[in-house]
Amino acid sequence: MAGVPESHSGWTFITSHARVLAAIADNPNARIRDIAARCRLTERAVSRIISDLEQDGYLSHTRDGRTNNYRIEPDKVLRHPAEAGLSVASLLSLLSLLVQDESDRVRKPVAP
């Protein structure tokens, strides 16, 4: 899973921003390199997404030596009018079912 992500073209059901947020929720001390590998994104893309999320108040971080400790704002409401009133916590509970570490999906096949 490390290294250059596999290329992907076309649209997906889950945005990169949601994937990064789910990865951070799973491990608030994760390195950008690890988030990128898990989300199959480049480190540059993850850095940009984290910056977007911080700029809009969905995420903040503190430095502890060389480590970033991320904090998600669970009560912040989602941006799109179709999700008016839904919180980040609601999104994360849904994503926890959909976005798993790839190794977990390989070990637990989905029933037909």
Protein backbone atom coordinates (compact mmCIF):
# COMPACT_ATOMS: atom_id res chain seq x y z
CA MET A 1 0.00 0.00 0.00
CA ALA A 2 2.97 2.34 0.45
CA GLY A 3 4.47 4.27 -2.39
CA VAL A 4 2.70 5.85 -5.31
CA PRO A 5 -1.08 5.42 -5.17
CA GLU A 6 -2.81 3.48 -7.92
CA SER A 7 -4.29 5.81 -10.49
CA HIS A 8 -8.03 6.28 -10.60
CA SER A 9 -10.17 8.03 -13.14
CA GLY A 10 -13.78 8.99 -12.90
CA TRP A 11 -15.92 9.82 -9.94
CA THR A 12 -16.26 8.02 -6.62
CA PHE A 13 -18.98 7.81 -3.99
CA ILE A 14 -16.76 9.00 -1.15
CA THR A 15 -14.74 12.19 -1.54
CA SER A 16 -11.06 12.46 -0.73
CA HIS A 17 -11.91 14.97 2.00
CA ALA A 18 -14.20 12.43 3.66
CA ARG A 19 -11.57 9.69 3.35
CA VAL A 20 -8.90 11.86 4.98
CA LEU A 21 -11.28 12.89 7.76
CA ALA A 22 -12.14 9.22 8.42
CA ALA A 23 -8.45 8.26 8.50
CA ILE A 24 -7.73 11.03 11.01
CA ALA A 25 -10.73 10.00 13.12
CA ASP A 26 -9.31 6.48 13.20
CA ASN A 27 -5.83 7.73 14.22
CA PRO A 28 -5.53 11.40 15.30
CA ASN A 29 -1.73 11.10 15.45
CA ALA A 30 -1.30 9.62 11.98
CA ARG A 31 1.46 10.99 9.78
CA ILE A 32 0.54 12.54 6.46
CA ARG A 33 2.47 9.73 4.78
CA ASP A 34 0.29 7.12 6.50
CA ILE A 35 -2.95 8.96 5.74
CA ALA A 36 -1.91 9.24 2.10
CA ALA A 37 -1.17 5.52 1.87
CA ARG A 38 -4.45 4.56 3.51
CA CYS A 39 -6.51 6.90 1.34
CA ARG A 40 -4.54 6.12 -1.84
CA LEU A 41 -3.70 9.80 -2.30
CA THR A 42 -0.45 11.68 -2.63
CA GLU A 43 1.06 13.35 0.42
CA ARG A 44 0.61 16.70 -1.30
CA ALA A 45 -3.11 16.04 -1.81
CA VAL A 46 -3.51 15.03 1.86
CA SER A 47 -1.71 18.19 3.00
CA ARG A 48 -4.02 20.31 0.85
CA ILE A 49 -7.12 18.51 2.16
CA ILE A 50 -5.99 18.92 5.79
CA SER A 51 -5.46 22.61 5.10
CA ASP A 52 -8.99 22.88 3.62
CA LEU A 53 -10.50 21.12 6.64
CA GLU A 54 -8.58 23.32 9.08
CA GLN A 55 -9.42 26.52 7.21
CA ASP A 56 -13.15 25.74 7.42
CA GLY A 57 -13.01 24.72 11.09
CA TYR A 58 -13.59 20.97 10.74
CA LEU A 59 -10.15 20.07 12.00
CA SER A 60 -7.35 21.56 14.07
CA HIS A 61 -3.95 20.33 15.09
CA THR A 62 -1.32 20.84 17.72
CA ARG A 63 2.35 19.99 17.47
CA ASP A 64 3.94 17.57 19.92
CA GLY A 65 7.60 17.51 18.93
CA ARG A 66 7.60 16.27 15.35
CA THR A 67 4.10 14.81 15.58
CA ASN A 68 0.80 16.45 14.72
CA ASN A 69 -2.13 15.69 16.97
CA TYR A 70 -5.36 16.29 15.04
CA ARG A 71 -8.69 17.18 16.60
CA ILE A 72 -11.92 16.85 14.67
CA GLU A 73 -14.83 19.15 15.51
CA PRO A 74 -17.64 16.54 15.73
CA ASP A 75 -20.48 19.05 16.16
CA LYS A 76 -19.60 21.12 13.10
CA VAL A 77 -22.35 20.82 10.47
CA LEU A 78 -21.68 19.65 6.93
CA ARG A 79 -21.35 22.23 4.17
CA HIS A 80 -23.73 21.09 1.44
CA PRO A 81 -27.36 22.26 1.70
CA ALA A 82 -28.57 18.67 1.13
CA GLU A 83 -26.87 17.69 4.39
CA ALA A 84 -28.13 20.71 6.35
CA GLY A 85 -28.19 19.93 10.05
CA LEU A 86 -26.03 16.80 9.82
CA SER A 87 -22.87 16.88 11.89
CA VAL A 88 -19.36 15.65 11.22
CA ALA A 89 -20.00 13.00 13.90
CA SER A 90 -22.91 11.66 11.80
CA LEU A 91 -20.71 11.52 8.72
CA LEU A 92 -17.94 9.74 10.61
CA SER A 93 -20.31 7.11 11.96
CA LEU A 94 -21.44 6.34 8.41
CA LEU A 95 -17.89 6.38 7.06
CA SER A 96 -16.71 3.97 9.73
CA LEU A 97 -18.87 1.36 8.00
CA LEU A 98 -17.67 2.21 4.50
CA VAL A 99 -14.05 3.32 4.73
CA GLN A 100 -11.91 0.67 6.32
CA ASP A 101 -8.26 -0.12 6.19
CA GLU A 102 -7.67 -2.21 3.06
CA SER A 103 -6.24 -5.08 5.10
CA ASP A 104 -9.51 -5.33 7.05
CA ARG A 105 -11.54 -5.65 3.82
CA VAL A 106 -9.25 -8.40 2.55
CA ARG A 107 -9.67 -10.42 5.77
CA LYS A 108 -13.44 -9.86 6.05
CA PRO A 109 -15.09 -10.49 2.66
CA VAL A 110 -18.45 -8.87 2.10
CA ALA A 111 -21.38 -11.30 1.96
CA PRO A 112 -23.31 -11.35 -1.35
